[in-house]
């Protein structure tokens, strides 16, 4: 008999109505410190992405000249 997992990784692409899918807790149920940390990390991720996209555009512009 297989061992039952004790932790679950959220699957963003699975059917949320399947019994095996771990349900994400409501945002307000997440501890405030965790919400703040996650929000800061998401802001950094988005800004890094924007800065990387701008750097690529500048590099492409230099090659066009």
PDB file of N, CA and C in Angstrom:
ATOM      1  N   UNK A   1       0.852  -1.185   0.000  1.00  0.00           N
ATOM      2  CA  UNK A   1       0.000   0.000   0.000  1.00  0.00           C
ATOM      3  C   UNK A   1       0.892   1.240   0.000  1.00  0.00           C
ATOM      4  N   UNK A   2       0.572   2.208  -0.874  1.00  0.00           N
ATOM      5  CA  UNK A   2       1.360   3.425  -0.984  1.00  0.00           C
ATOM      6  C   UNK A   2       1.141   4.372   0.184  1.00  0.00           C
ATOM      7  N   UNK A   3       2.142   5.144   0.458  1.00  0.00           N
ATOM      8  CA  UNK A   3       2.062   6.129   1.534  1.00  0.00           C
ATOM      9  C   UNK A   3       1.295   7.353   1.067  1.00  0.00           C
ATOM     10  N   UNK A   4       0.418   7.881   1.888  1.00  0.00           N
ATOM     11  CA  UNK A   4      -0.347   9.084   1.552  1.00  0.00           C
ATOM     12  C   UNK A   4       0.538  10.320   1.768  1.00  0.00           C
ATOM     13  N   UNK A   5       0.558  11.228   0.796  1.00  0.00           N
ATOM     14  CA  UNK A   5       1.366  12.447   0.981  1.00  0.00           C
ATOM     15  C   UNK A   5       0.777  13.305   2.108  1.00  0.00           C
ATOM     16  N   UNK A   6       1.677  13.937   2.846  1.00  0.00           N
ATOM     17  CA  UNK A   6       1.230  14.794   3.948  1.00  0.00           C
ATOM     18  C   UNK A   6       1.230  16.261   3.552  1.00  0.00           C
ATOM     19  N   UNK A   7       1.907  16.590   2.466  1.00  0.00           N
ATOM     20  CA  UNK A   7       1.888  17.965   1.966  1.00  0.00           C
ATOM     21  C   UNK A   7       1.486  17.943   0.510  1.00  0.00           C
ATOM     22  N   UNK A   8       0.977  19.060   0.045  1.00  0.00           N
ATOM     23  CA  UNK A   8       0.524  19.145  -1.325  1.00  0.00           C
ATOM     24  C   UNK A   8       1.119  20.385  -1.981  1.00  0.00           C
ATOM     25  N   UNK A   9       1.419  20.259  -3.253  1.00  0.00           N
ATOM     26  CA  UNK A   9       1.839  21.410  -4.035  1.00  0.00           C
ATOM     27  C   UNK A   9       0.629  21.845  -4.850  1.00  0.00           C
ATOM     28  N   UNK A  10       0.353  23.131  -4.864  1.00  0.00           N
ATOM     29  CA  UNK A  10      -0.776  23.632  -5.622  1.00  0.00           C
ATOM     30  C   UNK A  10      -0.517  23.445  -7.108  1.00  0.00           C
ATOM     31  N   UNK A  11      -1.506  22.959  -7.819  1.00  0.00           N
ATOM     32  CA  UNK A  11      -1.418  22.776  -9.261  1.00  0.00           C
ATOM     33  C   UNK A  11      -2.312  23.821  -9.904  1.00  0.00           C
ATOM     34  N   UNK A  12      -1.707  24.830 -10.502  1.00  0.00           N
ATOM     35  CA  UNK A  12      -2.469  25.939 -11.061  1.00  0.00           C
ATOM     36  C   UNK A  12      -3.241  25.558 -12.315  1.00  0.00           C
ATOM     37  N   UNK A  13      -2.937  24.412 -12.912  1.00  0.00           N
ATOM     38  CA  UNK A  13      -3.540  24.046 -14.181  1.00  0.00           C
ATOM     39  C   UNK A  13      -4.466  22.841 -14.096  1.00  0.00           C
ATOM     40  N   UNK A  14      -4.734  22.359 -12.891  1.00  0.00           N
ATOM     41  CA  UNK A  14      -5.606  21.200 -12.749  1.00  0.00           C
ATOM     42  C   UNK A  14      -7.061  21.644 -12.600  1.00  0.00           C
ATOM     43  N   UNK A  15      -7.939  20.694 -12.658  1.00  0.00           N
ATOM     44  CA  UNK A  15      -9.361  20.959 -12.480  1.00  0.00           C
ATOM     45  C   UNK A  15      -9.621  21.190 -10.991  1.00  0.00           C
ATOM     46  N   UNK A  16     -10.088  22.361 -10.583  1.00  0.00           N
ATOM     47  CA  UNK A  16     -10.279  22.650  -9.159  1.00  0.00           C
ATOM     48  C   UNK A  16     -11.385  21.818  -8.517  1.00  0.00           C
ATOM     49  N   UNK A  17     -12.182  21.126  -9.330  1.00  0.00           N
ATOM     50  CA  UNK A  17     -13.291  20.340  -8.775  1.00  0.00           C
ATOM     51  C   UNK A  17     -12.908  18.889  -8.527  1.00  0.00           C
ATOM     52  N   UNK A  18     -11.677  18.496  -8.865  1.00  0.00           N
ATOM     53  CA  UNK A  18     -11.223  17.137  -8.600  1.00  0.00           C
ATOM     54  C   UNK A  18     -10.856  16.999  -7.132  1.00  0.00           C
ATOM     55  N   UNK A  19     -11.197  15.864  -6.546  1.00  0.00           N
ATOM     56  CA  UNK A  19     -10.961  15.630  -5.122  1.00  0.00           C
ATOM     57  C   UNK A  19      -9.476  15.630  -4.775  1.00  0.00           C
ATOM     58  N   UNK A  20      -8.614  15.189  -5.726  1.00  0.00           N
ATOM     59  CA  UNK A  20      -7.179  15.106  -5.432  1.00  0.00           C
ATOM     60  C   UNK A  20      -6.486  16.456  -5.432  1.00  0.00           C
ATOM     61  N   UNK A  21      -7.119  17.464  -5.995  1.00  0.00           N
ATOM     62  CA  UNK A  21      -6.501  18.776  -6.108  1.00  0.00           C
ATOM     63  C   UNK A  21      -6.532  19.486  -4.754  1.00  0.00           C
ATOM     64  N   UNK A  22      -5.347  19.889  -4.280  1.00  0.00           N
ATOM     65  CA  UNK A  22      -5.279  20.645  -3.027  1.00  0.00           C
ATOM     66  C   UNK A  22      -5.889  22.019  -3.261  1.00  0.00           C
ATOM     67  N   UNK A  23      -6.772  22.424  -2.404  1.00  0.00           N
ATOM     68  CA  UNK A  23      -7.427  23.719  -2.561  1.00  0.00           C
ATOM     69  C   UNK A  23      -6.581  24.816  -1.932  1.00  0.00           C
ATOM     70  N   UNK A  24      -6.445  25.899  -2.661  1.00  0.00           N
ATOM     71  CA  UNK A  24      -5.721  27.046  -2.158  1.00  0.00           C
ATOM     72  C   UNK A  24      -6.563  27.732  -1.085  1.00  0.00           C
ATOM     73  N   UNK A  25      -5.944  28.135   0.015  1.00  0.00           N
ATOM     74  CA  UNK A  25      -6.724  28.825   1.042  1.00  0.00           C
ATOM     75  C   UNK A  25      -7.140  30.213   0.564  1.00  0.00           C
ATOM     76  N   UNK A  26      -8.258  30.712   1.062  1.00  0.00           N
ATOM     77  CA  UNK A  26      -8.638  32.086   0.706  1.00  0.00           C
ATOM     78  C   UNK A  26      -7.537  33.055   1.138  1.00  0.00           C
ATOM     79  N   UNK A  27      -7.329  34.094   0.337  1.00  0.00           N
ATOM     80  CA  UNK A  27      -6.252  35.060   0.599  1.00  0.00           C
ATOM     81  C   UNK A  27      -6.318  35.612   2.018  1.00  0.00           C
ATOM     82  N   UNK A  28      -7.499  35.951   2.494  1.00  0.00           N
ATOM     83  CA  UNK A  28      -7.633  36.534   3.837  1.00  0.00           C
ATOM     84  C   UNK A  28      -7.315  35.524   4.937  1.00  0.00           C
ATOM     85  N   UNK A  29      -7.317  34.223   4.624  1.00  0.00           N
ATOM     86  CA  UNK A  29      -6.992  33.201   5.626  1.00  0.00           C
ATOM     87  C   UNK A  29      -5.484  33.019   5.776  1.00  0.00           C
ATOM     88  N   UNK A  30      -4.733  33.534   4.822  1.00  0.00           N
ATOM     89  CA  UNK A  30      -3.275  33.439   4.882  1.00  0.00           C
ATOM     90  C   UNK A  30      -2.785  34.454   5.913  1.00  0.00           C
ATOM     91  N   UNK A  31      -1.825  34.061   6.772  1.00  0.00           N
ATOM     92  CA  UNK A  31      -1.329  35.012   7.782  1.00  0.00           C
ATOM     93  C   UNK A  31      -0.828  36.316   7.145  1.00  0.00           C
ATOM     94  N   UNK A  32      -1.051  37.418   7.836  1.00  0.00           N
ATOM     95  CA  UNK A  32      -0.712  38.740   7.292  1.00  0.00           C
ATOM     96  C   UNK A  32       0.752  38.847   6.903  1.00  0.00           C
ATOM     97  N   UNK A  33       1.645  38.330   7.722  1.00  0.00           N
ATOM     98  CA  UNK A  33       3.078  38.402   7.412  1.00  0.00           C
ATOM     99  C   UNK A  33       3.378  37.661   6.101  1.00  0.00           C
ATOM    100  N   UNK A  34       2.736  36.541   5.896  1.00  0.00           N
ATOM    101  CA  UNK A  34       2.922  35.774   4.665  1.00  0.00           C
ATOM    102  C   UNK A  34       2.371  36.538   3.464  1.00  0.00           C
ATOM    103  N   UNK A  35       1.214  37.171   3.624  1.00  0.00           N
ATOM    104  CA  UNK A  35       0.626  37.962   2.531  1.00  0.00           C
ATOM    105  C   UNK A  35       1.553  39.110   2.149  1.00  0.00           C
ATOM    106  N   UNK A  36       2.101  39.807   3.149  1.00  0.00           N
ATOM    107  CA  UNK A  36       3.010  40.923   2.868  1.00  0.00           C
ATOM    108  C   UNK A  36       4.263  40.447   2.152  1.00  0.00           C
ATOM    109  N   UNK A  37       4.828  39.349   2.613  1.00  0.00           N
ATOM    110  CA  UNK A  37       6.027  38.805   1.983  1.00  0.00           C
ATOM    111  C   UNK A  37       5.747  38.399   0.548  1.00  0.00           C
ATOM    112  N   UNK A  38       4.645  37.715   0.325  1.00  0.00           N
ATOM    113  CA  UNK A  38       4.299  37.278  -1.019  1.00  0.00           C
ATOM    114  C   UNK A  38       4.037  38.474  -1.936  1.00  0.00           C
ATOM    115  N   UNK A  39       3.370  39.486  -1.414  1.00  0.00           N
ATOM    116  CA  UNK A  39       3.101  40.680  -2.212  1.00  0.00           C
ATOM    117  C   UNK A  39       4.408  41.353  -2.621  1.00  0.00           C
ATOM    118  N   UNK A  40       5.345  41.488  -1.687  1.00  0.00           N
ATOM    119  CA  UNK A  40       6.646  42.094  -2.005  1.00  0.00           C
ATOM    120  C   UNK A  40       7.389  41.274  -3.047  1.00  0.00           C
ATOM    121  N   UNK A  41       7.358  39.956  -2.910  1.00  0.00           N
ATOM    122  CA  UNK A  41       8.038  39.101  -3.880  1.00  0.00           C
ATOM    123  C   UNK A  41       7.415  39.226  -5.266  1.00  0.00           C
ATOM    124  N   UNK A  42       6.113  39.311  -5.332  1.00  0.00           N
ATOM    125  CA  UNK A  42       5.428  39.457  -6.625  1.00  0.00           C
ATOM    126  C   UNK A  42       5.766  40.794  -7.270  1.00  0.00           C
ATOM    127  N   UNK A  43       5.828  41.860  -6.472  1.00  0.00           N
ATOM    128  CA  UNK A  43       6.196  43.182  -6.999  1.00  0.00           C
ATOM    129  C   UNK A  43       7.607  43.126  -7.584  1.00  0.00           C
ATOM    130  N   UNK A  44       8.553  42.506  -6.853  1.00  0.00           N
ATOM    131  CA  UNK A  44       9.922  42.388  -7.362  1.00  0.00           C
ATOM    132  C   UNK A  44       9.954  41.574  -8.654  1.00  0.00           C
ATOM    133  N   UNK A  45       9.201  40.495  -8.706  1.00  0.00           N
ATOM    134  CA  UNK A  45       9.166  39.663  -9.905  1.00  0.00           C
ATOM    135  C   UNK A  45       8.644  40.449 -11.106  1.00  0.00           C
ATOM    136  N   UNK A  46       7.577  41.202 -10.900  1.00  0.00           N
ATOM    137  CA  UNK A  46       6.989  41.986 -11.991  1.00  0.00           C
ATOM    138  C   UNK A  46       7.954  43.085 -12.443  1.00  0.00           C
ATOM    139  N   UNK A  47       8.548  43.798 -11.498  1.00  0.00           N
ATOM    140  CA  UNK A  47       9.484  44.869 -11.861  1.00  0.00           C
ATOM    141  C   UNK A  47      10.728  44.319 -12.553  1.00  0.00           C
ATOM    142  N   UNK A  48      11.237  43.181 -12.090  1.00  0.00           N
ATOM    143  CA  UNK A  48      12.384  42.561 -12.760  1.00  0.00           C
ATOM    144  C   UNK A  48      12.028  42.193 -14.192  1.00  0.00           C
ATOM    145  N   UNK A  49      10.820  41.706 -14.388  1.00  0.00           N
ATOM    146  CA  UNK A  49      10.374  41.336 -15.727  1.00  0.00           C
ATOM    147  C   UNK A  49      10.306  42.574 -16.635  1.00  0.00           C
ATOM    148  N   UNK A  50       9.769  43.667 -16.114  1.00  0.00           N
ATOM    149  CA  UNK A  50       9.676  44.906 -16.888  1.00  0.00           C
ATOM    150  C   UNK A  50      11.074  45.414 -17.235  1.00  0.00           C
ATOM    151  N   UNK A  51      11.965  45.400 -16.269  1.00  0.00           N
ATOM    152  CA  UNK A  51      13.323  45.889 -16.519  1.00  0.00           C
ATOM    153  C   UNK A  51      14.035  45.020 -17.542  1.00  0.00           C
ATOM    154  N   UNK A  52      13.831  43.717 -17.494  1.00  0.00           N
ATOM    155  CA  UNK A  52      14.455  42.814 -18.460  1.00  0.00           C
ATOM    156  C   UNK A  52      13.902  43.070 -19.862  1.00  0.00           C
ATOM    157  N   UNK A  53      12.598  43.298 -19.955  1.00  0.00           N
ATOM    158  CA  UNK A  53      11.984  43.571 -21.258  1.00  0.00           C
ATOM    159  C   UNK A  53      12.528  44.869 -21.843  1.00  0.00           C
ATOM    160  N   UNK A  54      12.720  45.879 -21.013  1.00  0.00           N
ATOM    161  CA  UNK A  54      13.266  47.158 -21.497  1.00  0.00           C
ATOM    162  C   UNK A  54      14.707  46.987 -21.967  1.00  0.00           C
ATOM    163  N   UNK A  55      15.473  46.181 -21.250  1.00  0.00           N
ATOM    164  CA  UNK A  55      16.864  45.952 -21.640  1.00  0.00           C
ATOM    165  C   UNK A  55      16.918  45.262 -22.997  1.00  0.00           C
ATOM    166  N   UNK A  56      16.024  44.318 -23.241  1.00  0.00           N
ATOM    167  CA  UNK A  56      15.975  43.634 -24.540  1.00  0.00           C
ATOM    168  C   UNK A  56      15.608  44.630 -25.628  1.00  0.00           C
ATOM    169  N   UNK A  57      14.650  45.513 -25.370  1.00  0.00           N
ATOM    170  CA  UNK A  57      14.249  46.507 -26.377  1.00  0.00           C
ATOM    171  C   UNK A  57      15.417  47.433 -26.701  1.00  0.00           C
ATOM    172  N   UNK A  58      16.174  47.860 -25.690  1.00  0.00           N
ATOM    173  CA  UNK A  58      17.323  48.736 -25.942  1.00  0.00           C
ATOM    174  C   UNK A  58      18.375  48.002 -26.765  1.00  0.00           C
ATOM    175  N   UNK A  59      18.600  46.730 -26.456  1.00  0.00           N
ATOM    176  CA  UNK A  59      19.584  45.940 -27.197  1.00  0.00           C
ATOM    177  C   UNK A  59      19.151  45.776 -28.648  1.00  0.00           C
ATOM    178  N   UNK A  60      17.875  45.513 -28.865  1.00  0.00           N
ATOM    179  CA  UNK A  60      17.356  45.370 -30.226  1.00  0.00           C
ATOM    180  C   UNK A  60      17.463  46.688 -30.983  1.00  0.00           C
ATOM    181  N   UNK A  61      17.215  47.810 -30.307  1.00  0.00           N
ATOM    182  CA  UNK A  61      17.298  49.119 -30.947  1.00  0.00           C
ATOM    183  C   UNK A  61      18.718  49.416 -31.397  1.00  0.00           C
ATOM    184  N   UNK A  62      19.698  48.985 -30.602  1.00  0.00           N
ATOM    185  CA  UNK A  62      21.105  49.207 -30.963  1.00  0.00           C
ATOM    186  C   UNK A  62      21.478  48.418 -32.224  1.00  0.00           C
ATOM    187  N   UNK A  63      20.914  47.218 -32.357  1.00  0.00           N
ATOM    188  CA  UNK A  63      21.213  46.405 -33.535  1.00  0.00           C
ATOM    189  C   UNK A  63      20.567  46.958 -34.795  1.00  0.00           C
ATOM    190  N   UNK A  64      19.474  47.706 -34.637  1.00  0.00           N
ATOM    191  CA  UNK A  64      18.787  48.274 -35.778  1.00  0.00           C
ATOM    192  C   UNK A  64      19.508  49.505 -36.335  1.00  0.00           C
ATOM    193  N   UNK A  65      20.340  50.115 -35.520  1.00  0.00           N
ATOM    194  CA  UNK A  65      20.987  51.362 -35.937  1.00  0.00           C
ATOM    195  C   UNK A  65      22.093  51.157 -36.915  1.00  0.00           C
TER     196      UNK A  65
END
